[in-house]
C-alpha atoms as a PDB file:
ATOM      1  CA  MET A   1       1.282-107.354-210.123  1.00  0.00           C
ATOM      2  CA  PRO A   2       2.164-110.799-208.520  1.00  0.00           C
ATOM      3  CA  PRO A   3       2.328-113.814-210.720  1.00  0.00           C
ATOM      4  CA  ARG A   4      -0.402-116.293-210.633  1.00  0.00           C
ATOM      5  CA  LEU A   5       0.267-119.667-209.235  1.00  0.00           C
ATOM      6  CA  ASN A   6      -0.749-122.725-211.298  1.00  0.00           C
ATOM      7  CA  ILE A   7      -1.182-125.699-208.981  1.00  0.00           C
ATOM      8  CA  LEU A   8      -1.643-128.325-211.691  1.00  0.00           C
ATOM      9  CA  SER A   9       1.733-127.351-213.360  1.00  0.00           C
ATOM     10  CA  ASN A  10       3.417-127.573-210.152  1.00  0.00           C
ATOM     11  CA  VAL A  11       2.063-130.964-209.400  1.00  0.00           C
ATOM     12  CA  VAL A  12       2.945-132.394-212.639  1.00  0.00           C
ATOM     13  CA  SER A  13       6.697-131.033-212.501  1.00  0.00           C
ATOM     14  CA  LEU A  14       7.098-132.835-209.125  1.00  0.00           C
ATOM     15  CA  PRO A  15       9.601-135.718-209.508  1.00  0.00           C
ATOM     16  CA  LEU A  16       8.092-139.207-208.865  1.00  0.00           C
ATOM     17  CA  ARG A  17       9.905-142.190-207.237  1.00  0.00           C
ATOM     18  CA  SER A  18       9.744-145.746-208.147  1.00  0.00           C
ATOM     19  CA  GLY A  19       7.553-148.043-205.876  1.00  0.00           C
ATOM     20  CA  VAL A  20      10.367-148.978-203.482  1.00  0.00           C
ATOM     21  CA  THR A  21       9.250-149.030-199.877  1.00  0.00           C
ATOM     22  CA  ALA A  22      11.529-149.356-196.967  1.00  0.00           C
ATOM     23  CA  ALA A  23      11.795-152.479-195.099  1.00  0.00           C
ATOM     24  CA  PRO A  24      10.143-152.635-191.533  1.00  0.00           C
ATOM     25  CA  ARG A  25      12.506-152.163-188.782  1.00  0.00           C
ATOM     26  CA  PRO A  26      12.551-155.633-186.817  1.00  0.00           C
ATOM     27  CA  PHE A  27      11.709-155.388-183.163  1.00  0.00           C
ATOM     28  CA  PHE A  28      14.603-156.977-180.944  1.00  0.00           C
ATOM     29  CA  GLY A  29      12.888-156.270-177.719  1.00  0.00           C
ATOM     30  CA  VAL A  30      14.936-154.679-174.855  1.00  0.00           C
ATOM     31  CA  ALA A  31      18.530-155.602-175.166  1.00  0.00           C
ATOM     32  CA  ALA A  32      20.754-155.669-172.152  1.00  0.00           C
ATOM     33  CA  ALA A  33      22.679-152.384-171.957  1.00  0.00           C
ATOM     34  CA  ALA A  34      26.543-152.736-171.641  1.00  0.00           C
ATOM     35  CA  ARG A  35      28.215-151.679-168.496  1.00  0.00           C
ATOM     36  CA  ARG A  36      29.880-148.402-169.056  1.00  0.00           C
ATOM     37  CA  GLY A  37      32.923-147.514-167.126  1.00  0.00           C
ATOM     38  CA  PHE A  38      36.394-145.756-167.647  1.00  0.00           C
ATOM     39  CA  THR A  39      37.842-147.102-170.765  1.00  0.00           C
ATOM     40  CA  THR A  40      40.829-146.385-172.887  1.00  0.00           C
ATOM     41  CA  SER A  41      40.866-145.778-176.656  1.00  0.00           C
ATOM     42  CA  ASN A  42      41.771-149.403-177.347  1.00  0.00           C
ATOM     43  CA  ASP A  43      38.898-150.676-175.452  1.00  0.00           C
ATOM     44  CA  THR A  44      36.466-148.365-177.404  1.00  0.00           C
ATOM     45  CA  THR A  45      37.866-149.665-180.691  1.00  0.00           C
ATOM     46  CA  ASN A  46      37.412-153.243-179.664  1.00  0.00           C
ATOM     47  CA  THR A  47      33.779-152.782-178.375  1.00  0.00           C
ATOM     48  CA  THR A  48      32.871-151.001-181.645  1.00  0.00           C
ATOM     49  CA  ASN A  49      34.363-153.837-183.578  1.00  0.00           C
ATOM     50  CA  THR A  50      32.500-156.588-181.613  1.00  0.00           C
ATOM     51  CA  THR A  51      29.159-154.887-181.828  1.00  0.00           C
ATOM     52  CA  SER A  52      29.445-154.514-185.587  1.00  0.00           C
ATOM     53  CA  SER A  53      30.448-158.026-186.149  1.00  0.00           C
ATOM     54  CA  SER A  54      28.337-160.104-183.843  1.00  0.00           C
ATOM     55  CA  SER A  55      24.806-160.771-184.999  1.00  0.00           C
ATOM     56  CA  ILE A  56      21.828-160.797-182.357  1.00  0.00           C
ATOM     57  CA  ASP A  57      19.279-163.733-182.691  1.00  0.00           C
ATOM     58  CA  PRO A  58      15.741-162.114-182.829  1.00  0.00           C
ATOM     59  CA  SER A  59      14.250-165.234-181.770  1.00  0.00           C
ATOM     60  CA  MET A  60      15.984-165.150-178.400  1.00  0.00           C
ATOM     61  CA  LEU A  61      14.947-161.792-177.819  1.00  0.00           C
ATOM     62  CA  GLN A  62      11.378-162.294-179.031  1.00  0.00           C
ATOM     63  CA  MET A  63      10.807-165.576-176.919  1.00  0.00           C
ATOM     64  CA  PRO A  64       7.059-166.003-176.453  1.00  0.00           C
ATOM     65  CA  ARG A  65       5.625-165.764-172.819  1.00  0.00           C
ATOM     66  CA  ARG A  66       4.165-169.110-173.428  1.00  0.00           C
ATOM     67  CA  MET A  67       7.723-170.690-173.726  1.00  0.00           C
ATOM     68  CA  MET A  68       8.897-168.886-170.767  1.00  0.00           C
ATOM     69  CA  GLU A  69       6.107-170.261-168.624  1.00  0.00           C
ATOM     70  CA  GLU A  70       6.751-173.714-169.820  1.00  0.00           C
ATOM     71  CA  GLU A  71      10.292-173.287-168.800  1.00  0.00           C
ATOM     72  CA  VAL A  72       9.168-172.311-165.342  1.00  0.00           C
ATOM     73  CA  GLY A  73       6.839-175.301-164.969  1.00  0.00           C
ATOM     74  CA  VAL A  74       3.146-174.612-166.016  1.00  0.00           C
ATOM     75  CA  GLU A  75       2.396-178.291-165.901  1.00  0.00           C
ATOM     76  CA  GLU A  76       3.169-178.587-162.360  1.00  0.00           C
ATOM     77  CA  VAL A  77       1.060-175.486-161.470  1.00  0.00           C
ATOM     78  CA  THR A  78      -1.896-177.140-163.544  1.00  0.00           C
ATOM     79  CA  GLU A  79      -1.429-180.426-161.480  1.00  0.00           C
ATOM     80  CA  ASN A  80      -1.518-178.428-158.198  1.00  0.00           C
ATOM     81  CA  ARG A  81      -4.910-176.732-159.094  1.00  0.00           C
ATOM     82  CA  ILE A  82      -6.494-180.044-159.950  1.00  0.00           C
ATOM     83  CA  ALA A  83      -5.402-181.570-156.546  1.00  0.00           C
ATOM     84  CA  LEU A  84      -6.855-178.193-154.822  1.00  0.00           C
ATOM     85  CA  ASN A  85      -9.936-178.708-156.754  1.00  0.00           C
ATOM     86  CA  GLN A  86     -10.266-182.206-155.680  1.00  0.00           C
ATOM     87  CA  LEU A  87      -9.572-181.324-151.985  1.00  0.00           C
ATOM     88  CA  GLU A  88     -12.400-178.715-152.283  1.00  0.00           C
ATOM     89  CA  MET A  89     -14.812-181.460-153.476  1.00  0.00           C
ATOM     90  CA  VAL A  90     -13.786-183.746-150.602  1.00  0.00           C
ATOM     91  CA  ALA A  91     -14.701-180.761-148.098  1.00  0.00           C
ATOM     92  CA  TYR A  92     -17.990-180.642-149.629  1.00  0.00           C
ATOM     93  CA  GLY A  93     -18.684-184.267-149.193  1.00  0.00           C
ATOM     94  CA  LEU A  94     -18.233-185.429-152.760  1.00  0.00           C
ATOM     95  CA  ASN A  95     -16.243-188.028-154.311  1.00  0.00           C
ATOM     96  CA  PRO A  96     -13.480-186.180-156.639  1.00  0.00           C
ATOM     97  CA  PHE A  97     -13.148-189.394-158.703  1.00  0.00           C
ATOM     98  CA  ASP A  98     -16.755-189.997-159.536  1.00  0.00           C
ATOM     99  CA  ARG A  99     -17.453-189.423-163.224  1.00  0.00           C
ATOM    100  CA  GLU A 100     -20.893-188.052-162.593  1.00  0.00           C
ATOM    101  CA  VAL A 101     -19.597-185.489-160.136  1.00  0.00           C
ATOM    102  CA  GLU A 102     -16.557-184.458-162.303  1.00  0.00           C
ATOM    103  CA  GLY A 103     -16.842-180.897-163.514  1.00  0.00           C
ATOM    104  CA  HIS A 104     -19.738-180.043-161.069  1.00  0.00           C
ATOM    105  CA  LYS A 105     -19.310-178.353-157.774  1.00  0.00           C
ATOM    106  CA  PHE A 106     -22.316-179.917-156.039  1.00  0.00           C
ATOM    107  CA  GLY A 107     -22.943-182.831-158.446  1.00  0.00           C
ATOM    108  CA  LEU A 108     -25.854-183.675-160.340  1.00  0.00           C
ATOM    109  CA  PRO A 109     -29.380-183.894-159.141  1.00  0.00           C
ATOM    110  CA  GLU A 110     -31.163-187.386-158.977  1.00  0.00           C
ATOM    111  CA  LEU A 111     -34.051-187.802-161.263  1.00  0.00           C
ATOM    112  CA  PRO A 112     -36.969-187.605-161.096  1.00  0.00           C
ATOM    113  CA  LEU A 113     -36.876-184.571-158.812  1.00  0.00           C
ATOM    114  CA  PRO A 114     -38.913-184.872-155.387  1.00  0.00           C
ATOM    115  CA  SER A 115     -41.862-182.648-154.957  1.00  0.00           C
ATOM    116  CA  ASN A 116     -40.175-180.259-152.501  1.00  0.00           C
ATOM    117  CA  LYS A 117     -37.427-179.327-154.866  1.00  0.00           C
ATOM    118  CA  HIS A 118     -39.735-177.964-157.303  1.00  0.00           C
ATOM    119  CA  LYS A 119     -39.708-173.970-157.340  1.00  0.00           C
ATOM    120  CA  ASP A 120     -43.575-173.935-157.175  1.00  0.00           C
ATOM    121  CA  HIS A 121     -43.573-176.451-154.076  1.00  0.00           C
ATOM    122  CA  ARG A 122     -40.789-175.234-152.024  1.00  0.00           C
ATOM    123  CA  TYR A 123     -42.892-174.109-149.164  1.00  0.00           C
ATOM    124  CA  ASP A 124     -44.860-176.195-146.650  1.00  0.00           C
ATOM    125  CA  ASP A 125     -48.227-177.157-148.041  1.00  0.00           C
ATOM    126  CA  ILE A 126     -50.307-175.723-145.389  1.00  0.00           C
ATOM    127  CA  VAL A 127     -48.142-172.424-145.480  1.00  0.00           C
ATOM    128  CA  ALA A 128     -48.624-172.088-149.153  1.00  0.00           C
ATOM    129  CA  GLN A 129     -52.389-172.887-148.884  1.00  0.00           C
ATOM    130  CA  VAL A 130     -53.092-170.331-146.298  1.00  0.00           C
ATOM    131  CA  THR A 131     -50.909-167.835-148.042  1.00  0.00           C
ATOM    132  CA  ARG A 132     -53.294-168.052-151.048  1.00  0.00           C
ATOM    133  CA  LEU A 133     -56.208-167.593-148.966  1.00  0.00           C
ATOM    134  CA  LEU A 134     -54.792-164.512-147.361  1.00  0.00           C
ATOM    135  CA  MET A 135     -54.250-163.120-150.883  1.00  0.00           C
ATOM    136  CA  ARG A 136     -56.656-160.038-152.047  1.00  0.00           C
ATOM    137  CA  ASP A 137     -56.732-158.662-155.492  1.00  0.00           C
ATOM    138  CA  GLY A 138     -53.944-160.874-156.816  1.00  0.00           C
ATOM    139  CA  LYS A 139     -51.322-159.274-154.453  1.00  0.00           C
ATOM    140  CA  LEU A 140     -49.205-162.386-153.647  1.00  0.00           C
ATOM    141  CA  GLY A 141     -46.335-160.337-152.370  1.00  0.00           C
ATOM    142  CA  LYS A 142     -48.410-158.772-149.746  1.00  0.00           C
ATOM    143  CA  ALA A 143     -49.949-162.197-148.673  1.00  0.00           C
ATOM    144  CA  GLN A 144     -46.466-163.653-148.338  1.00  0.00           C
ATOM    145  CA  ARG A 145     -45.350-160.733-146.259  1.00  0.00           C
ATOM    146  CA  ASP A 146     -48.520-161.178-143.905  1.00  0.00           C
ATOM    147  CA  MET A 147     -47.699-164.794-143.724  1.00  0.00           C
ATOM    148  CA  ALA A 148     -44.084-164.206-142.625  1.00  0.00           C
ATOM    149  CA  MET A 149     -45.417-161.749-139.979  1.00  0.00           C
ATOM    150  CA  ILE A 150     -47.868-164.315-138.674  1.00  0.00           C
ATOM    151  CA  LEU A 151     -45.206-166.964-138.320  1.00  0.00           C
ATOM    152  CA  ASN A 152     -42.909-164.398-136.535  1.00  0.00           C
ATOM    153  CA  TYR A 153     -45.759-163.520-134.142  1.00  0.00           C
ATOM    154  CA  LEU A 154     -46.360-167.258-133.389  1.00  0.00           C
ATOM    155  CA  ARG A 155     -42.732-167.797-132.838  1.00  0.00           C
ATOM    156  CA  THR A 156     -42.297-165.097-130.377  1.00  0.00           C
ATOM    157  CA  SER A 157     -45.562-165.655-128.458  1.00  0.00           C
ATOM    158  CA  PRO A 158     -45.562-167.209-125.055  1.00  0.00           C
ATOM    159  CA  VAL A 159     -46.426-170.775-124.362  1.00  0.00           C
ATOM    160  CA  PRO A 160     -50.168-171.548-125.068  1.00  0.00           C
ATOM    161  CA  LYS A 161     -52.450-172.979-122.309  1.00  0.00           C
ATOM    162  CA  PHE A 162     -54.485-175.771-123.537  1.00  0.00           C
ATOM    163  CA  ASN A 163     -58.043-176.183-122.712  1.00  0.00           C
ATOM    164  CA  PRO A 164     -59.220-179.878-121.893  1.00  0.00           C
ATOM    165  CA  GLN A 165     -62.637-179.036-123.059  1.00  0.00           C
ATOM    166  CA  ARG A 166     -61.263-178.232-126.530  1.00  0.00           C
ATOM    167  CA  PRO A 167     -58.950-181.194-127.448  1.00  0.00           C
ATOM    168  CA  LEU A 168     -56.528-180.481-130.182  1.00  0.00           C
ATOM    169  CA  VAL A 169     -55.672-182.842-133.066  1.00  0.00           C
ATOM    170  CA  LEU A 170     -54.239-186.011-132.283  1.00  0.00           C
ATOM    171  CA  GLY A 171     -50.286-186.328-132.158  1.00  0.00           C
ATOM    172  CA  HIS A 172     -49.822-182.746-131.461  1.00  0.00           C
ATOM    173  CA  PRO A 173     -46.654-181.560-129.630  1.00  0.00           C
ATOM    174  CA  PRO A 174     -46.418-180.346-126.207  1.00  0.00           C
ATOM    175  CA  ALA A 175     -47.256-176.655-125.501  1.00  0.00           C
ATOM    176  CA  GLU A 176     -43.679-175.886-124.789  1.00  0.00           C
ATOM    177  CA  ALA A 177     -42.762-176.981-128.459  1.00  0.00           C
ATOM    178  CA  LEU A 178     -45.401-174.977-130.340  1.00  0.00           C
ATOM    179  CA  PRO A 179     -43.634-171.574-130.240  1.00  0.00           C
ATOM    180  CA  LEU A 180     -40.273-173.256-131.484  1.00  0.00           C
ATOM    181  CA  ASP A 181     -41.955-174.339-134.790  1.00  0.00           C
ATOM    182  CA  PRO A 182     -44.680-171.764-136.123  1.00  0.00           C
ATOM    183  CA  VAL A 183     -45.319-173.971-139.045  1.00  0.00           C
ATOM    184  CA  VAL A 184     -46.318-176.888-136.721  1.00  0.00           C
ATOM    185  CA  TYR A 185     -48.375-174.206-134.517  1.00  0.00           C
ATOM    186  CA  LEU A 186     -50.204-173.224-137.547  1.00  0.00           C
ATOM    187  CA  ARG A 187     -50.942-176.740-138.479  1.00  0.00           C
ATOM    188  CA  VAL A 188     -52.215-177.808-135.194  1.00  0.00           C
ATOM    189  CA  ALA A 189     -54.470-174.940-135.220  1.00  0.00           C
ATOM    190  CA  ILE A 190     -56.009-175.259-138.397  1.00  0.00           C
ATOM    191  CA  ASP A 191     -56.350-179.093-138.118  1.00  0.00           C
ATOM    192  CA  SER A 192     -57.931-178.871-134.672  1.00  0.00           C
ATOM    193  CA  VAL A 193     -60.913-176.662-135.815  1.00  0.00           C
ATOM    194  CA  ALA A 194     -61.303-178.148-139.383  1.00  0.00           C
ATOM    195  CA  PRO A 195     -64.598-179.663-139.801  1.00  0.00           C
ATOM    196  CA  LEU A 196     -64.644-183.404-140.750  1.00  0.00           C
ATOM    197  CA  ILE A 197     -67.747-183.265-142.746  1.00  0.00           C
ATOM    198  CA  VAL A 198     -69.941-180.745-144.890  1.00  0.00           C
ATOM    199  CA  ILE A 199     -73.599-180.622-145.178  1.00  0.00           C
ATOM    200  CA  LYS A 200     -75.154-180.550-148.696  1.00  0.00           C
ATOM    201  CA  GLY A 201     -78.700-180.023-149.654  1.00  0.00           C
ATOM    202  CA  PHE A 202     -80.659-181.867-152.292  1.00  0.00           C
ATOM    203  CA  LYS A 203     -83.560-179.681-153.411  1.00  0.00           C
ATOM    204  CA  LYS A 204     -87.259-180.648-153.210  1.00  0.00           C
ATOM    205  CA  LEU A 205     -86.391-184.151-151.601  1.00  0.00           C
ATOM    206  CA  ALA A 206     -87.559-183.307-148.108  1.00  0.00           C
ATOM    207  CA  GLY A 207     -91.102-182.585-149.249  1.00  0.00           C
ATOM    208  CA  GLY A 208     -92.805-179.217-149.531  1.00  0.00           C
ATOM    209  CA  GLY A 209     -89.968-177.892-151.662  1.00  0.00           C
ATOM    210  CA  ARG A 210     -87.447-178.066-148.888  1.00  0.00           C
ATOM    211  CA  SER A 211     -84.038-179.313-149.393  1.00  0.00           C
ATOM    212  CA  LEU A 212     -82.919-182.567-147.835  1.00  0.00           C
ATOM    213  CA  GLU A 213     -79.601-182.064-145.918  1.00  0.00           C
ATOM    214  CA  VAL A 214     -77.024-184.722-146.325  1.00  0.00           C
ATOM    215  CA  PRO A 215     -73.518-184.961-144.686  1.00  0.00           C
ATOM    216  CA  PHE A 216     -70.465-185.846-146.727  1.00  0.00           C
ATOM    217  CA  PRO A 217     -66.983-186.267-145.762  1.00  0.00           C
ATOM    218  CA  ILE A 218     -64.274-184.009-147.173  1.00  0.00           C
ATOM    219  CA  ASP A 219     -60.637-184.163-147.931  1.00  0.00           C
ATOM    220  CA  ALA A 220     -57.726-182.495-145.889  1.00  0.00           C
ATOM    221  CA  ARG A 221     -57.259-179.540-148.218  1.00  0.00           C
ATOM    222  CA  LYS A 222     -61.067-178.767-148.268  1.00  0.00           C
ATOM    223  CA  ARG A 223     -61.083-179.080-144.442  1.00  0.00           C
ATOM    224  CA  ARG A 224     -58.385-176.598-144.103  1.00  0.00           C
ATOM    225  CA  ARG A 225     -59.856-174.135-146.293  1.00  0.00           C
ATOM    226  CA  THR A 226     -63.018-174.170-144.304  1.00  0.00           C
ATOM    227  CA  ALA A 227     -61.105-173.672-141.197  1.00  0.00           C
ATOM    228  CA  VAL A 228     -59.094-170.683-142.455  1.00  0.00           C
ATOM    229  CA  ALA A 229     -62.307-169.154-143.933  1.00  0.00           C
ATOM    230  CA  TRP A 230     -63.823-169.528-140.523  1.00  0.00           C
ATOM    231  CA  ILE A 231     -60.883-167.882-138.833  1.00  0.00           C
ATOM    232  CA  LEU A 232     -60.738-165.064-141.234  1.00  0.00           C
ATOM    233  CA  ASP A 233     -64.442-164.380-140.753  1.00  0.00           C
ATOM    234  CA  VAL A 234     -63.816-163.970-137.086  1.00  0.00           C
ATOM    235  CA  VAL A 235     -60.869-161.607-137.532  1.00  0.00           C
ATOM    236  CA  ALA A 236     -62.812-159.334-139.957  1.00  0.00           C
ATOM    237  CA  LYS A 237     -65.477-158.909-137.204  1.00  0.00           C
ATOM    238  CA  LYS A 238     -62.859-157.812-134.731  1.00  0.00           C
ATOM    239  CA  LYS A 239     -61.939-154.318-134.141  1.00  0.00           C
ATOM    240  CA  SER A 240     -58.660-153.133-135.393  1.00  0.00           C
ATOM    241  CA  LYS A 241     -56.261-152.006-132.797  1.00  0.00           C
ATOM    242  CA  GLY A 242     -54.318-149.452-134.944  1.00  0.00           C
ATOM    243  CA  SER A 243     -53.287-148.821-138.552  1.00  0.00           C
ATOM    244  CA  GLY A 244     -50.430-150.107-140.314  1.00  0.00           C
ATOM    245  CA  ARG A 245     -49.444-153.149-142.521  1.00  0.00           C
ATOM    246  CA  GLY A 246     -48.956-155.247-139.495  1.00  0.00           C
ATOM    247  CA  MET A 247     -52.204-155.098-137.712  1.00  0.00           C
ATOM    248  CA  PHE A 248     -54.109-157.626-140.088  1.00  0.00           C
ATOM    249  CA  PRO A 249     -51.419-160.525-139.668  1.00  0.00           C
ATOM    250  CA  HIS A 250     -51.184-159.681-136.079  1.00  0.00           C
ATOM    251  CA  ARG A 251     -54.991-160.241-135.482  1.00  0.00           C
ATOM    252  CA  VAL A 252     -54.740-163.443-137.653  1.00  0.00           C
ATOM    253  CA  ALA A 253     -52.013-164.713-135.366  1.00  0.00           C
ATOM    254  CA  GLU A 254     -53.909-163.731-132.206  1.00  0.00           C
ATOM    255  CA  GLU A 255     -57.012-165.691-133.608  1.00  0.00           C
ATOM    256  CA  ILE A 256     -54.658-168.728-134.187  1.00  0.00           C
ATOM    257  CA  ILE A 257     -53.301-168.604-130.542  1.00  0.00           C
ATOM    258  CA  ALA A 258     -56.986-168.240-129.337  1.00  0.00           C
ATOM    259  CA  VAL A 259     -57.883-171.433-131.328  1.00  0.00           C
ATOM    260  CA  VAL A 260     -55.174-173.566-129.710  1.00  0.00           C
ATOM    261  CA  GLU A 261     -56.092-172.171-126.233  1.00  0.00           C
ATOM    262  CA  GLY A 262     -59.871-172.921-126.816  1.00  0.00           C
ATOM    263  CA  ARG A 263     -60.986-169.166-126.461  1.00  0.00           C
ATOM    264  CA  SER A 264     -61.946-168.793-130.141  1.00  0.00           C
ATOM    265  CA  GLY A 265     -65.557-168.809-131.542  1.00  0.00           C
ATOM    266  CA  VAL A 266     -64.582-171.137-134.436  1.00  0.00           C
ATOM    267  CA  TRP A 267     -64.909-174.008-132.149  1.00  0.00           C
ATOM    268  CA  ASP A 268     -68.730-173.307-131.892  1.00  0.00           C
ATOM    269  CA  LYS A 269     -68.953-173.403-135.656  1.00  0.00           C
ATOM    270  CA  ARG A 270     -67.158-176.691-135.860  1.00  0.00           C
ATOM    271  CA  THR A 271     -69.388-178.160-133.057  1.00  0.00           C
ATOM    272  CA  GLN A 272     -72.443-176.864-134.762  1.00  0.00           C
ATOM    273  CA  VAL A 273     -71.620-178.588-138.002  1.00  0.00           C
ATOM    274  CA  HIS A 274     -70.775-181.815-136.425  1.00  0.00           C
ATOM    275  CA  LYS A 275     -74.098-181.851-134.539  1.00  0.00           C
ATOM    276  CA  LEU A 276     -76.041-181.066-137.705  1.00  0.00           C
ATOM    277  CA  GLY A 277     -74.146-183.995-139.267  1.00  0.00           C
ATOM    278  CA  THR A 278     -75.108-186.103-136.707  1.00  0.00           C
ATOM    279  CA  ALA A 279     -78.853-185.302-136.970  1.00  0.00           C
ATOM    280  CA  THR A 280     -79.121-185.869-140.614  1.00  0.00           C
ATOM    281  CA  ARG A 281     -76.976-188.798-141.009  1.00  0.00           C
ATOM    282  CA  ALA A 282     -80.134-190.853-141.360  1.00  0.00           C
ATOM    283  CA  ASN A 283     -80.820-188.998-144.756  1.00  0.00           C
ATOM    284  CA  LEU A 284     -78.194-191.062-146.357  1.00  0.00           C
ATOM    285  CA  ASN A 285     -80.615-193.881-146.527  1.00  0.00           C
ATOM    286  CA  ASN A 286     -82.994-191.919-148.612  1.00  0.00           C
ATOM    287  CA  PHE A 287     -83.587-193.911-151.840  1.00  0.00           C
ATOM    288  CA  GLN A 288     -83.770-190.589-153.881  1.00  0.00           C
ATOM    289  CA  VAL A 289     -80.307-189.633-152.507  1.00  0.00           C
ATOM    290  CA  ARG A 290     -79.005-193.098-153.383  1.00  0.00           C
ATOM    291  CA  GLU A 291     -80.210-192.760-156.885  1.00  0.00           C
ATOM    292  CA  LEU A 292     -78.651-189.384-157.286  1.00  0.00           C
ATOM    293  CA  LEU A 293     -75.321-190.531-155.872  1.00  0.00           C
ATOM    294  CA  GLY A 294     -75.440-193.567-157.947  1.00  0.00           C
END
């Protein structure tokens, strides 16, 4: 029968050493190896004695990289980088010795910021307004895409032919210049058919329960809103030439071209409003209207 092993007795009987730890071996880096060749016995003894007697300085072998770079000339490299940065600022049209520009690639903006530098007003005012009027169901991205297609259609369209019976807004550019700037094209079309007045009715002032119609002038934003509403109304009544996301903006662009050329039915609406305003302008002298207007 084999003898039983007692692990506890074996562990107790193990010899224990005192707490002396070995010193860590210093890292001397990579020393240069001696050139080996054909030597005699005397040379071998001399080499052995030299190696044992000479002491190697660890600080020389463990020289930090920072000190080595300083010996190469890091200060000169830094000065060259500063000079290159200054030349780059001069290339951008900035003064490299200006304290306000120092540390900024394009300089600090002037305060207060102008209105066209704001993120919500970075587009032209009429482009932003028409885009909002084109929006349906809160889909602003689709309205912006339609607006881009409308401007592109106006840019690639041929030169319009003006109708002398339908004069455009004063100060408009010549026909050859309109396709070159579609934003101006859009502005001229909308401002030309925008009504100058709006007809408001005052109830029970005309007698017999009828409302008294009185003309009132309106500002530019409301005028443009009315003109765009008329254009979109005419576009909605026209038949579509096909399907696709580009059909609606193309119809709107065609109607804008028709407005500039005097072929659109929007001109008749504008003429009707102005005739009604001329006929009802005498109602401004009504004493009841004056009292209501204060």
